[in-house]
Amino acid sequence: MKALVLREPGCLALSDVPVPQPADGELLVRVVAATTCGTDLKAYLRGHPQIPMPGVLGHEYSGVVYAAGEGARFNPGEAIMGVHSAPCGRCRWCLRDQENLCESLMATKVLGSYAEFLLVPERIARRNVFHKPESLSFETAALLEPLACVAEGLRVLHPHRDDRVLVIGPGAIGLMFVAALKLQGVEDVTLAGRNKARLSVGERFGAAVTHLDDAALNDFDVVIECTGTVEVWERSTDYVRRGGKIVLFGGCPSGSRACFDTKKIHYDQITLLSPFHFGTEAVRNAREWLLDPKLDLSPLLSGERSLPEGQATFEDLKAGHGLKYVFRP
C-alpha cells in the first residue's frame, strides 16, 4: 500500500509498505480521511519520542472497516471514527479517574493514518472506536482525537457560563477550545494571537479577537495557553484575575523551564492546570460535540491533499500556511 513514511526530521517520503493483517479483536481500516496534527508537525520538524522513525506518520483518522479480526466489535463495511490510544482501565491512575495518565497508555497506539490502510489494535478498537453516522463527514469525524484533548482540558477546568476566558494561540487547538467553550454556553471568550487569518476563524467561532500584545489583556477568570511557548506560559499570569485559573495546554520542548511570580501565584491564589491527553470520558464528550449540529469545525480544514503532496503539505504547515489539511489516501 502507499504510505507517507517519516524517514527522519524534514524527510517525509511516499513509500510502498506492507498492508497490516488484523489479529483477534483488531481492525484493518481503509482510511477515508486523515487530518494533519501539530504533534505530527513537531515530529516532522525535530522528531518525537512517541513517533518512531522511520515509520508511517499520522494518527487522526476516519474510514471504513476493511477487515476485522476474530471477536472484533465492528464488521467489514462499517464506517468508523476513533482515536489513537485507550487506557487499560486497571492501573492506579485509571482507577482514580486519571485515565489520561494510564501507566500503559502509549504502549499500544494507532500510528500510520497517512496511508491507504490503518491497523487499530484490539484495546483501542474495543474502547475508543465508534460508528460514524452518515450525517457526519469523514473529514470532520477525523477530528475526534484533537477535540478529545480539548474535552479533557475542559473536563478538569469546569468552566462556568459567566467566566471571562482568554485563549492564547489561534492554532487548531486554540480554535477548538473557542468552539467548545461557545458550545458549552460560555459567552465571553477572547482569542489572542498574531496570525490574522487564524484569528478570523476565531471570530467565526464567536470569539472576540485581539493581538497577543494588547495591553488591555487582564483580569480574566480563565486563561488557556495553547502556544507551547515558554515565554507565553510565563506571561499567562499577567492576564488572570485573583482566584483565577490558568490552563497550560501547549506542550513546550522537553527540558524547558518556566518561571512564575511566586507572590502572584500564592497571594492571588492562582490555580495552574496542565491537562495531558485524554481519557474515555473526554473521547465520548468530544464525539457528542461532533454530532451536535451547532458545532461546525469545517473552518479548521484548509483543504485536501494527496499522499504524494505530503512533504509539501508539511512545509506549508511549517511556514504557517493553513491550519489542518485532509489527506484522502
C-alpha atoms as a PDB file:
ATOM      1  CA  MET A   1       0.000   0.000   0.000  1.00  0.00           C
ATOM      2  CA  LYS A   2       1.038   3.644  -0.427  1.00  0.00           C
ATOM      3  CA  ALA A   3       2.004   5.467   2.760  1.00  0.00           C
ATOM      4  CA  LEU A   4       3.800   8.598   3.937  1.00  0.00           C
ATOM      5  CA  VAL A   5       6.880   7.483   5.845  1.00  0.00           C
ATOM      6  CA  LEU A   6       8.771   9.885   8.102  1.00  0.00           C
ATOM      7  CA  ARG A   7      12.329   8.743   7.465  1.00  0.00           C
ATOM      8  CA  GLU A   8      13.978  11.459   9.550  1.00  0.00           C
ATOM      9  CA  PRO A   9      13.091  15.024  10.581  1.00  0.00           C
ATOM     10  CA  GLY A  10      12.318  17.006   7.456  1.00  0.00           C
ATOM     11  CA  CYS A  11      12.040  13.956   5.204  1.00  0.00           C
ATOM     12  CA  LEU A  12       8.545  12.629   4.511  1.00  0.00           C
ATOM     13  CA  ALA A  13       8.516  10.179   1.620  1.00  0.00           C
ATOM     14  CA  LEU A  14       5.765   8.365  -0.278  1.00  0.00           C
ATOM     15  CA  SER A  15       6.590   4.674   0.040  1.00  0.00           C
ATOM     16  CA  ASP A  16       5.232   1.186  -0.567  1.00  0.00           C
ATOM     17  CA  VAL A  17       4.726  -0.677   2.720  1.00  0.00           C
ATOM     18  CA  PRO A  18       3.013  -3.988   3.540  1.00  0.00           C
ATOM     19  CA  VAL A  19      -0.693  -3.997   4.344  1.00  0.00           C
ATOM     20  CA  PRO A  20      -1.112  -4.951   8.042  1.00  0.00           C
ATOM     21  CA  GLN A  21      -3.129  -8.031   8.930  1.00  0.00           C
ATOM     22  CA  PRO A  22      -5.584  -7.785  11.852  1.00  0.00           C
ATOM     23  CA  ALA A  23      -5.208 -10.205  14.758  1.00  0.00           C
ATOM     24  CA  ASP A  24      -8.004 -11.105  17.192  1.00  0.00           C
ATOM     25  CA  GLY A  25     -10.087  -8.059  18.092  1.00  0.00           C
ATOM     26  CA  GLU A  26      -8.158  -5.783  15.725  1.00  0.00           C
ATOM     27  CA  LEU A  27      -9.467  -3.739  12.817  1.00  0.00           C
ATOM     28  CA  LEU A  28      -7.957  -3.045   9.436  1.00  0.00           C
ATOM     29  CA  VAL A  29      -9.424   0.278   8.312  1.00  0.00           C
ATOM     30  CA  ARG A  30      -9.454   1.683   4.806  1.00  0.00           C
ATOM     31  CA  VAL A  31      -8.583   5.292   5.569  1.00  0.00           C
ATOM     32  CA  VAL A  32     -11.009   7.772   4.043  1.00  0.00           C
ATOM     33  CA  ALA A  33      -9.775  10.917   5.795  1.00  0.00           C
ATOM     34  CA  ALA A  34      -6.660  11.621   7.857  1.00  0.00           C
ATOM     35  CA  THR A  35      -6.060  15.121   9.199  1.00  0.00           C
ATOM     36  CA  THR A  36      -2.730  16.741   9.937  1.00  0.00           C
ATOM     37  CA  CYS A  37      -1.810  17.477  13.529  1.00  0.00           C
ATOM     38  CA  GLY A  38       0.531  19.746  15.454  1.00  0.00           C
ATOM     39  CA  THR A  39       2.180  16.700  17.031  1.00  0.00           C
ATOM     40  CA  ASP A  40       2.930  15.290  13.585  1.00  0.00           C
ATOM     41  CA  LEU A  41       4.367  18.660  12.600  1.00  0.00           C
ATOM     42  CA  LYS A  42       6.642  18.555  15.668  1.00  0.00           C
ATOM     43  CA  ALA A  43       7.769  15.076  14.612  1.00  0.00           C
ATOM     44  CA  TYR A  44       8.429  16.318  11.090  1.00  0.00           C
ATOM     45  CA  LEU A  45      10.458  19.265  12.371  1.00  0.00           C
ATOM     46  CA  ARG A  46      12.509  17.667  15.145  1.00  0.00           C
ATOM     47  CA  GLY A  47      11.307  14.128  15.870  1.00  0.00           C
ATOM     48  CA  HIS A  48       9.039  12.954  18.679  1.00  0.00           C
ATOM     49  CA  PRO A  49       9.633  10.364  21.435  1.00  0.00           C
ATOM     50  CA  GLN A  50       6.286   8.636  20.747  1.00  0.00           C
ATOM     51  CA  ILE A  51       6.629   8.565  16.945  1.00  0.00           C
ATOM     52  CA  PRO A  52       9.275   6.122  15.676  1.00  0.00           C
ATOM     53  CA  MET A  53      11.414   6.849  12.632  1.00  0.00           C
ATOM     54  CA  PRO A  54      11.324   5.558  10.035  1.00  0.00           C
ATOM     55  CA  GLY A  55       7.590   4.975  10.288  1.00  0.00           C
ATOM     56  CA  VAL A  56       4.264   5.833   8.722  1.00  0.00           C
ATOM     57  CA  LEU A  57       3.078   9.185  10.072  1.00  0.00           C
ATOM     58  CA  GLY A  58      -0.412  10.253  11.150  1.00  0.00           C
ATOM     59  CA  HIS A  59      -2.854   9.406  13.951  1.00  0.00           C
ATOM     60  CA  GLU A  60      -6.075  11.337  13.232  1.00  0.00           C
ATOM     61  CA  TYR A  61      -8.398   9.234  11.113  1.00  0.00           C
ATOM     62  CA  SER A  62     -11.785   8.022   9.996  1.00  0.00           C
ATOM     63  CA  GLY A  63     -12.621   5.328   7.487  1.00  0.00           C
ATOM     64  CA  VAL A  64     -14.358   2.092   6.668  1.00  0.00           C
ATOM     65  CA  VAL A  65     -13.562  -1.278   8.208  1.00  0.00           C
ATOM     66  CA  TYR A  66     -11.889  -3.396   5.529  1.00  0.00           C
ATOM     67  CA  ALA A  67     -11.165  -6.495   7.612  1.00  0.00           C
ATOM     68  CA  ALA A  68     -11.770  -7.484  11.235  1.00  0.00           C
ATOM     69  CA  GLY A  69     -10.037  -9.987  13.488  1.00  0.00           C
ATOM     70  CA  GLU A  70     -11.905 -12.647  15.404  1.00  0.00           C
ATOM     71  CA  GLY A  71     -14.122 -11.103  18.090  1.00  0.00           C
ATOM     72  CA  ALA A  72     -13.804  -7.521  16.852  1.00  0.00           C
ATOM     73  CA  ARG A  73     -16.639  -5.117  17.682  1.00  0.00           C
ATOM     74  CA  PHE A  74     -17.078  -3.927  14.102  1.00  0.00           C
ATOM     75  CA  ASN A  75     -17.653  -5.635  10.764  1.00  0.00           C
ATOM     76  CA  PRO A  76     -16.231  -5.012   7.296  1.00  0.00           C
ATOM     77  CA  GLY A  77     -18.059  -2.216   5.516  1.00  0.00           C
ATOM     78  CA  GLU A  78     -18.918  -0.224   8.644  1.00  0.00           C
ATOM     79  CA  ALA A  79     -17.862   3.440   8.764  1.00  0.00           C
ATOM     80  CA  ILE A  80     -15.906   4.262  11.912  1.00  0.00           C
ATOM     81  CA  MET A  81     -14.201   7.102  13.765  1.00  0.00           C
ATOM     82  CA  GLY A  82     -11.688   6.732  16.550  1.00  0.00           C
ATOM     83  CA  VAL A  83      -8.701   7.994  18.469  1.00  0.00           C
ATOM     84  CA  HIS A  84      -5.186   6.605  18.649  1.00  0.00           C
ATOM     85  CA  SER A  85      -4.980   5.390  22.263  1.00  0.00           C
ATOM     86  CA  ALA A  86      -7.002   3.837  25.062  1.00  0.00           C
ATOM     87  CA  PRO A  87      -6.340   3.384  28.805  1.00  0.00           C
ATOM     88  CA  CYS A  88      -6.031  -0.050  30.378  1.00  0.00           C
ATOM     89  CA  GLY A  89      -8.823   0.595  32.907  1.00  0.00           C
ATOM     90  CA  ARG A  90      -6.985  -1.326  35.642  1.00  0.00           C
ATOM     91  CA  CYS A  91      -3.916   0.608  36.786  1.00  0.00           C
ATOM     92  CA  ARG A  92      -3.775   3.008  39.744  1.00  0.00           C
ATOM     93  CA  TRP A  93      -4.382   6.088  37.611  1.00  0.00           C
ATOM     94  CA  CYS A  94      -7.300   4.573  35.710  1.00  0.00           C
ATOM     95  CA  LEU A  95      -8.951   3.560  38.973  1.00  0.00           C
ATOM     96  CA  ARG A  96      -8.522   7.134  40.279  1.00  0.00           C
ATOM     97  CA  ASP A  97     -10.298   8.702  37.294  1.00  0.00           C
ATOM     98  CA  GLN A  98      -6.998   9.734  35.714  1.00  0.00           C
ATOM     99  CA  GLU A  99      -7.170   7.535  32.627  1.00  0.00           C
ATOM    100  CA  ASN A 100      -5.177  10.119  30.694  1.00  0.00           C
ATOM    101  CA  LEU A 101      -2.186   9.188  32.887  1.00  0.00           C
ATOM    102  CA  CYS A 102      -2.621   5.411  32.451  1.00  0.00           C
ATOM    103  CA  GLU A 103       0.734   3.723  33.007  1.00  0.00           C
ATOM    104  CA  SER A 104       0.482   1.873  29.673  1.00  0.00           C
ATOM    105  CA  LEU A 105      -1.434   4.497  27.688  1.00  0.00           C
ATOM    106  CA  MET A 106       1.194   4.870  24.978  1.00  0.00           C
ATOM    107  CA  ALA A 107       2.370   1.269  24.971  1.00  0.00           C
ATOM    108  CA  THR A 108      -0.323   0.453  22.421  1.00  0.00           C
ATOM    109  CA  LYS A 109      -1.395   3.138  19.970  1.00  0.00           C
ATOM    110  CA  VAL A 110      -2.572   3.804  16.445  1.00  0.00           C
ATOM    111  CA  LEU A 111       0.090   5.246  14.168  1.00  0.00           C
ATOM    112  CA  GLY A 112       0.130   5.485  10.403  1.00  0.00           C
ATOM    113  CA  SER A 113      -3.087   7.124   9.218  1.00  0.00           C
ATOM    114  CA  TYR A 114      -1.318   8.738   6.258  1.00  0.00           C
ATOM    115  CA  ALA A 115      -1.718   5.505   4.363  1.00  0.00           C
ATOM    116  CA  GLU A 116      -4.292   3.552   2.421  1.00  0.00           C
ATOM    117  CA  PHE A 117      -4.908   1.169   5.336  1.00  0.00           C
ATOM    118  CA  LEU A 118      -4.557   1.550   9.096  1.00  0.00           C
ATOM    119  CA  LEU A 119      -4.359  -1.140  11.787  1.00  0.00           C
ATOM    120  CA  VAL A 120      -6.280  -0.430  15.011  1.00  0.00           C
ATOM    121  CA  PRO A 121      -5.117  -2.583  17.968  1.00  0.00           C
ATOM    122  CA  GLU A 122      -7.693  -4.529  19.971  1.00  0.00           C
ATOM    123  CA  ARG A 123      -7.547  -2.363  23.106  1.00  0.00           C
ATOM    124  CA  ILE A 124      -8.276   0.789  21.162  1.00  0.00           C
ATOM    125  CA  ALA A 125     -10.830  -0.849  18.864  1.00  0.00           C
ATOM    126  CA  ARG A 126     -12.694  -2.080  21.928  1.00  0.00           C
ATOM    127  CA  ARG A 127     -12.741   1.147  23.946  1.00  0.00           C
ATOM    128  CA  ASN A 128     -12.224   4.157  21.687  1.00  0.00           C
ATOM    129  CA  VAL A 129     -13.602   3.400  18.214  1.00  0.00           C
ATOM    130  CA  PHE A 130     -17.181   4.308  17.285  1.00  0.00           C
ATOM    131  CA  HIS A 131     -19.613   4.068  14.413  1.00  0.00           C
ATOM    132  CA  LYS A 132     -19.593   7.136  12.183  1.00  0.00           C
ATOM    133  CA  PRO A 133     -23.123   8.267  11.355  1.00  0.00           C
ATOM    134  CA  GLU A 134     -23.940   9.276   7.778  1.00  0.00           C
ATOM    135  CA  SER A 135     -24.724  12.794   8.964  1.00  0.00           C
ATOM    136  CA  LEU A 136     -21.067  13.342   9.884  1.00  0.00           C
ATOM    137  CA  SER A 137     -18.470  13.793   7.155  1.00  0.00           C
ATOM    138  CA  PHE A 138     -15.336  11.654   7.235  1.00  0.00           C
ATOM    139  CA  GLU A 139     -13.080  14.709   7.456  1.00  0.00           C
ATOM    140  CA  THR A 140     -14.949  16.094  10.474  1.00  0.00           C
ATOM    141  CA  ALA A 141     -15.026  12.645  12.107  1.00  0.00           C
ATOM    142  CA  ALA A 142     -11.213  12.558  11.835  1.00  0.00           C
ATOM    143  CA  LEU A 143     -11.091  15.491  14.273  1.00  0.00           C
ATOM    144  CA  LEU A 144     -12.248  13.300  17.165  1.00  0.00           C
ATOM    145  CA  GLU A 145      -8.751  12.886  18.607  1.00  0.00           C
ATOM    146  CA  PRO A 146      -7.714  16.549  18.889  1.00  0.00           C
ATOM    147  CA  LEU A 147     -11.186  17.505  20.092  1.00  0.00           C
ATOM    148  CA  ALA A 148     -10.878  14.824  22.808  1.00  0.00           C
ATOM    149  CA  CYS A 149      -7.728  16.606  24.031  1.00  0.00           C
ATOM    150  CA  VAL A 150      -9.745  19.815  24.300  1.00  0.00           C
ATOM    151  CA  ALA A 151     -12.552  17.948  26.059  1.00  0.00           C
ATOM    152  CA  GLU A 152     -10.070  16.662  28.657  1.00  0.00           C
ATOM    153  CA  GLY A 153      -8.877  20.202  29.267  1.00  0.00           C
ATOM    154  CA  LEU A 154     -12.410  21.456  29.819  1.00  0.00           C
ATOM    155  CA  ARG A 155     -13.206  18.416  31.951  1.00  0.00           C
ATOM    156  CA  VAL A 156     -10.559  19.373  34.501  1.00  0.00           C
ATOM    157  CA  LEU A 157     -11.275  23.099  34.170  1.00  0.00           C
ATOM    158  CA  HIS A 158     -15.053  23.003  34.805  1.00  0.00           C
ATOM    159  CA  PRO A 159     -15.754  26.364  33.106  1.00  0.00           C
ATOM    160  CA  HIS A 160     -18.751  28.464  34.115  1.00  0.00           C
ATOM    161  CA  ARG A 161     -21.036  30.170  31.650  1.00  0.00           C
ATOM    162  CA  ASP A 162     -20.238  33.594  33.113  1.00  0.00           C
ATOM    163  CA  ASP A 163     -16.449  33.146  33.007  1.00  0.00           C
ATOM    164  CA  ARG A 164     -14.324  35.633  31.092  1.00  0.00           C
ATOM    165  CA  VAL A 165     -11.992  33.343  29.162  1.00  0.00           C
ATOM    166  CA  LEU A 166      -8.819  34.189  27.276  1.00  0.00           C
ATOM    167  CA  VAL A 167      -7.482  31.639  24.805  1.00  0.00           C
ATOM    168  CA  ILE A 168      -3.898  32.332  23.724  1.00  0.00           C
ATOM    169  CA  GLY A 169      -2.864  30.920  20.360  1.00  0.00           C
ATOM    170  CA  PRO A 170      -5.134  30.693  17.282  1.00  0.00           C
ATOM    171  CA  GLY A 171      -3.863  27.334  16.094  1.00  0.00           C
ATOM    172  CA  ALA A 172      -6.209  24.397  15.573  1.00  0.00           C
ATOM    173  CA  ILE A 173      -6.314  23.507  19.288  1.00  0.00           C
ATOM    174  CA  GLY A 174      -6.881  27.088  20.440  1.00  0.00           C
ATOM    175  CA  LEU A 175      -9.686  27.440  17.920  1.00  0.00           C
ATOM    176  CA  MET A 176     -11.225  24.154  19.088  1.00  0.00           C
ATOM    177  CA  PHE A 177     -11.170  25.491  22.649  1.00  0.00           C
ATOM    178  CA  VAL A 178     -13.064  28.555  21.442  1.00  0.00           C
ATOM    179  CA  ALA A 179     -15.643  26.442  19.594  1.00  0.00           C
ATOM    180  CA  ALA A 180     -16.107  24.042  22.524  1.00  0.00           C
ATOM    181  CA  LEU A 181     -16.441  26.848  25.072  1.00  0.00           C
ATOM    182  CA  LYS A 182     -19.068  28.575  22.956  1.00  0.00           C
ATOM    183  CA  LEU A 183     -20.911  25.265  22.519  1.00  0.00           C
ATOM    184  CA  GLN A 184     -20.993  24.946  26.319  1.00  0.00           C
ATOM    185  CA  GLY A 185     -22.570  28.354  26.646  1.00  0.00           C
ATOM    186  CA  VAL A 186     -19.560  30.447  27.693  1.00  0.00           C
ATOM    187  CA  GLU A 187     -20.358  33.863  26.211  1.00  0.00           C
ATOM    188  CA  ASP A 188     -17.246  35.935  26.943  1.00  0.00           C
ATOM    189  CA  VAL A 189     -14.355  34.306  25.054  1.00  0.00           C
ATOM    190  CA  THR A 190     -11.370  36.257  23.726  1.00  0.00           C
ATOM    191  CA  LEU A 191      -8.795  34.764  21.357  1.00  0.00           C
ATOM    192  CA  ALA A 192      -5.338  36.354  21.302  1.00  0.00           C
ATOM    193  CA  GLY A 193      -2.625  35.812  18.721  1.00  0.00           C
ATOM    194  CA  ARG A 194      -0.739  37.302  15.793  1.00  0.00           C
ATOM    195  CA  ASN A 195      -1.937  35.366  12.711  1.00  0.00           C
ATOM    196  CA  LYS A 196      -4.783  37.444  11.255  1.00  0.00           C
ATOM    197  CA  ALA A 197      -6.166  34.637   9.070  1.00  0.00           C
ATOM    198  CA  ARG A 198      -6.408  32.297  12.034  1.00  0.00           C
ATOM    199  CA  LEU A 199      -7.876  34.985  14.271  1.00  0.00           C
ATOM    200  CA  SER A 200     -10.607  35.487  11.672  1.00  0.00           C
ATOM    201  CA  VAL A 201     -11.571  31.823  12.120  1.00  0.00           C
ATOM    202  CA  GLY A 202     -11.875  32.519  15.839  1.00  0.00           C
ATOM    203  CA  GLU A 203     -14.286  35.333  15.044  1.00  0.00           C
ATOM    204  CA  ARG A 204     -16.376  32.907  13.009  1.00  0.00           C
ATOM    205  CA  PHE A 205     -16.491  30.653  16.075  1.00  0.00           C
ATOM    206  CA  GLY A 206     -17.797  33.532  18.181  1.00  0.00           C
ATOM    207  CA  ALA A 207     -14.707  34.864  19.947  1.00  0.00           C
ATOM    208  CA  ALA A 208     -13.572  38.437  20.319  1.00  0.00           C
ATOM    209  CA  VAL A 209     -10.071  38.607  18.868  1.00  0.00           C
ATOM    210  CA  THR A 210      -7.056  40.715  19.723  1.00  0.00           C
ATOM    211  CA  HIS A 211      -3.309  40.895  19.329  1.00  0.00           C
ATOM    212  CA  LEU A 212      -1.314  38.997  21.928  1.00  0.00           C
ATOM    213  CA  ASP A 213       0.487  42.190  22.974  1.00  0.00           C
ATOM    214  CA  ASP A 214      -2.729  44.098  23.720  1.00  0.00           C
ATOM    215  CA  ALA A 215      -2.134  45.966  26.988  1.00  0.00           C
ATOM    216  CA  ALA A 216      -5.801  45.519  27.942  1.00  0.00           C
ATOM    217  CA  LEU A 217      -5.466  41.736  28.318  1.00  0.00           C
ATOM    218  CA  ASN A 218      -6.034  41.299  32.027  1.00  0.00           C
ATOM    219  CA  ASP A 219      -8.480  40.248  34.724  1.00  0.00           C
ATOM    220  CA  PHE A 220      -9.706  37.059  33.021  1.00  0.00           C
ATOM    221  CA  ASP A 221     -11.310  34.309  35.088  1.00  0.00           C
ATOM    222  CA  VAL A 222      -9.634  31.675  32.917  1.00  0.00           C
ATOM    223  CA  VAL A 223      -6.555  31.790  30.690  1.00  0.00           C
ATOM    224  CA  ILE A 224      -5.934  28.872  28.315  1.00  0.00           C
ATOM    225  CA  GLU A 225      -2.413  28.770  26.864  1.00  0.00           C
ATOM    226  CA  CYS A 226      -2.198  26.947  23.513  1.00  0.00           C
ATOM    227  CA  THR A 227       1.122  28.026  22.016  1.00  0.00           C
ATOM    228  CA  GLY A 228       3.558  25.695  23.773  1.00  0.00           C
ATOM    229  CA  THR A 229       5.963  28.618  24.184  1.00  0.00           C
ATOM    230  CA  VAL A 230       7.772  29.107  27.499  1.00  0.00           C
ATOM    231  CA  GLU A 231       7.559  32.892  27.244  1.00  0.00           C
ATOM    232  CA  VAL A 232       3.775  32.728  26.850  1.00  0.00           C
ATOM    233  CA  TRP A 233       3.464  30.234  29.713  1.00  0.00           C
ATOM    234  CA  GLU A 234       5.239  32.765  31.922  1.00  0.00           C
ATOM    235  CA  ARG A 235       3.169  35.730  30.693  1.00  0.00           C
ATOM    236  CA  SER A 236      -0.116  33.903  31.310  1.00  0.00           C
ATOM    237  CA  THR A 237      -0.100  35.012  34.941  1.00  0.00           C
ATOM    238  CA  ASP A 238      -0.304  38.646  33.772  1.00  0.00           C
ATOM    239  CA  TYR A 239      -3.739  38.063  32.270  1.00  0.00           C
ATOM    240  CA  VAL A 240      -5.608  36.215  35.038  1.00  0.00           C
ATOM    241  CA  ARG A 241      -7.607  37.733  37.893  1.00  0.00           C
ATOM    242  CA  ARG A 242      -7.178  36.973  41.589  1.00  0.00           C
ATOM    243  CA  GLY A 243      -8.558  33.491  42.262  1.00  0.00           C
ATOM    244  CA  GLY A 244      -8.497  32.636  38.568  1.00  0.00           C
ATOM    245  CA  LYS A 245      -7.303  29.578  36.663  1.00  0.00           C
ATOM    246  CA  ILE A 246      -4.616  29.068  34.051  1.00  0.00           C
ATOM    247  CA  VAL A 247      -4.714  26.061  31.729  1.00  0.00           C
ATOM    248  CA  LEU A 248      -1.197  25.362  30.446  1.00  0.00           C
ATOM    249  CA  PHE A 249      -2.178  23.244  27.465  1.00  0.00           C
ATOM    250  CA  GLY A 250       0.540  23.900  24.898  1.00  0.00           C
ATOM    251  CA  GLY A 251       3.433  21.465  25.243  1.00  0.00           C
ATOM    252  CA  CYS A 252       6.857  23.109  25.434  1.00  0.00           C
ATOM    253  CA  PRO A 253      10.032  21.368  24.202  1.00  0.00           C
ATOM    254  CA  SER A 254      11.396  18.703  26.532  1.00  0.00           C
ATOM    255  CA  GLY A 255      13.706  20.108  29.202  1.00  0.00           C
ATOM    256  CA  SER A 256      12.134  23.584  29.178  1.00  0.00           C
ATOM    257  CA  ARG A 257      11.859  25.555  32.406  1.00  0.00           C
ATOM    258  CA  ALA A 258       9.296  28.260  33.147  1.00  0.00           C
ATOM    259  CA  CYS A 259       9.483  30.932  35.869  1.00  0.00           C
ATOM    260  CA  PHE A 260       6.453  32.465  37.586  1.00  0.00           C
ATOM    261  CA  ASP A 261       5.974  35.299  40.057  1.00  0.00           C
ATOM    262  CA  THR A 262       5.527  33.316  43.276  1.00  0.00           C
ATOM    263  CA  LYS A 263       3.845  36.267  45.002  1.00  0.00           C
ATOM    264  CA  LYS A 264       1.232  36.416  42.240  1.00  0.00           C
ATOM    265  CA  ILE A 265       0.633  32.651  42.278  1.00  0.00           C
ATOM    266  CA  HIS A 266       0.393  32.433  46.059  1.00  0.00           C
ATOM    267  CA  TYR A 267      -1.300  35.630  47.224  1.00  0.00           C
ATOM    268  CA  ASP A 268      -3.673  35.830  44.279  1.00  0.00           C
ATOM    269  CA  GLN A 269      -4.465  32.107  44.696  1.00  0.00           C
ATOM    270  CA  ILE A 270      -3.939  31.246  41.041  1.00  0.00           C
ATOM    271  CA  THR A 271      -4.766  27.677  40.046  1.00  0.00           C
ATOM    272  CA  LEU A 272      -2.411  26.149  37.461  1.00  0.00           C
ATOM    273  CA  LEU A 273      -3.793  23.236  35.423  1.00  0.00           C
ATOM    274  CA  SER A 274      -1.838  21.267  32.868  1.00  0.00           C
ATOM    275  CA  PRO A 275      -4.125  18.676  31.247  1.00  0.00           C
ATOM    276  CA  PHE A 276      -2.461  15.936  29.221  1.00  0.00           C
ATOM    277  CA  HIS A 277      -4.015  13.766  26.509  1.00  0.00           C
ATOM    278  CA  PHE A 278      -7.480  12.349  27.342  1.00  0.00           C
ATOM    279  CA  GLY A 279      -9.463   9.567  28.977  1.00  0.00           C
ATOM    280  CA  THR A 280     -12.518   7.720  27.712  1.00  0.00           C
ATOM    281  CA  GLU A 281     -14.968  10.268  29.152  1.00  0.00           C
ATOM    282  CA  ALA A 282     -13.322  13.059  27.166  1.00  0.00           C
ATOM    283  CA  VAL A 283     -13.434  10.972  23.975  1.00  0.00           C
ATOM    284  CA  ARG A 284     -17.148  10.399  24.405  1.00  0.00           C
ATOM    285  CA  ASN A 285     -17.740  14.061  25.158  1.00  0.00           C
ATOM    286  CA  ALA A 286     -15.861  15.026  22.010  1.00  0.00           C
ATOM    287  CA  ARG A 287     -17.915  12.599  19.935  1.00  0.00           C
ATOM    288  CA  GLU A 288     -21.144  14.088  21.295  1.00  0.00           C
ATOM    289  CA  TRP A 289     -19.895  17.555  20.375  1.00  0.00           C
ATOM    290  CA  LEU A 290     -19.071  16.462  16.822  1.00  0.00           C
ATOM    291  CA  LEU A 291     -22.580  15.074  16.443  1.00  0.00           C
ATOM    292  CA  ASP A 292     -24.114  18.366  17.635  1.00  0.00           C
ATOM    293  CA  PRO A 293     -25.248  20.372  14.585  1.00  0.00           C
ATOM    294  CA  LYS A 294     -24.411  23.594  16.445  1.00  0.00           C
ATOM    295  CA  LEU A 295     -20.688  22.733  16.256  1.00  0.00           C
ATOM    296  CA  ASP A 296     -19.153  23.357  12.846  1.00  0.00           C
ATOM    297  CA  LEU A 297     -15.398  22.767  12.756  1.00  0.00           C
ATOM    298  CA  SER A 298     -15.121  22.876   8.960  1.00  0.00           C
ATOM    299  CA  PRO A 299     -13.327  26.283   9.039  1.00  0.00           C
ATOM    300  CA  LEU A 300     -10.338  24.446  10.564  1.00  0.00           C
ATOM    301  CA  LEU A 301      -9.855  22.388   7.409  1.00  0.00           C
ATOM    302  CA  SER A 302      -7.598  24.187   4.953  1.00  0.00           C
ATOM    303  CA  GLY A 303      -8.101  21.839   2.022  1.00  0.00           C
ATOM    304  CA  GLU A 304      -7.489  18.322   0.765  1.00  0.00           C
ATOM    305  CA  ARG A 305      -4.110  16.917  -0.178  1.00  0.00           C
ATOM    306  CA  SER A 306      -2.980  13.689  -1.807  1.00  0.00           C
ATOM    307  CA  LEU A 307      -0.296  11.482  -0.291  1.00  0.00           C
ATOM    308  CA  PRO A 308       2.271  12.500  -2.955  1.00  0.00           C
ATOM    309  CA  GLU A 309       1.858  16.057  -1.649  1.00  0.00           C
ATOM    310  CA  GLY A 310       2.868  15.036   1.880  1.00  0.00           C
ATOM    311  CA  GLN A 311       6.245  16.777   2.043  1.00  0.00           C
ATOM    312  CA  ALA A 312       4.862  19.975   0.519  1.00  0.00           C
ATOM    313  CA  THR A 313       1.919  19.890   2.936  1.00  0.00           C
ATOM    314  CA  PHE A 314       4.159  19.830   5.987  1.00  0.00           C
ATOM    315  CA  GLU A 315       6.352  22.549   4.525  1.00  0.00           C
ATOM    316  CA  ASP A 316       3.196  24.659   4.222  1.00  0.00           C
ATOM    317  CA  LEU A 317       2.335  23.960   7.859  1.00  0.00           C
ATOM    318  CA  LYS A 318       5.902  24.773   8.873  1.00  0.00           C
ATOM    319  CA  ALA A 319       5.514  28.171   7.176  1.00  0.00           C
ATOM    320  CA  GLY A 320       2.195  28.808   8.940  1.00  0.00           C
ATOM    321  CA  HIS A 321       0.062  28.315   5.836  1.00  0.00           C
ATOM    322  CA  GLY A 322      -3.226  26.613   6.713  1.00  0.00           C
ATOM    323  CA  LEU A 323      -4.489  25.018   9.908  1.00  0.00           C
ATOM    324  CA  LYS A 324      -5.246  21.363   9.194  1.00  0.00           C
ATOM    325  CA  TYR A 325      -5.102  19.566   5.863  1.00  0.00           C
ATOM    326  CA  VAL A 326      -7.015  16.433   4.958  1.00  0.00           C
ATOM    327  CA  PHE A 327      -5.260  13.500   3.301  1.00  0.00           C
ATOM    328  CA  ARG A 328      -7.546  11.167   1.383  1.00  0.00           C
ATOM    329  CA  PRO A 329      -5.393   8.077   0.791  1.00  0.00           C
END
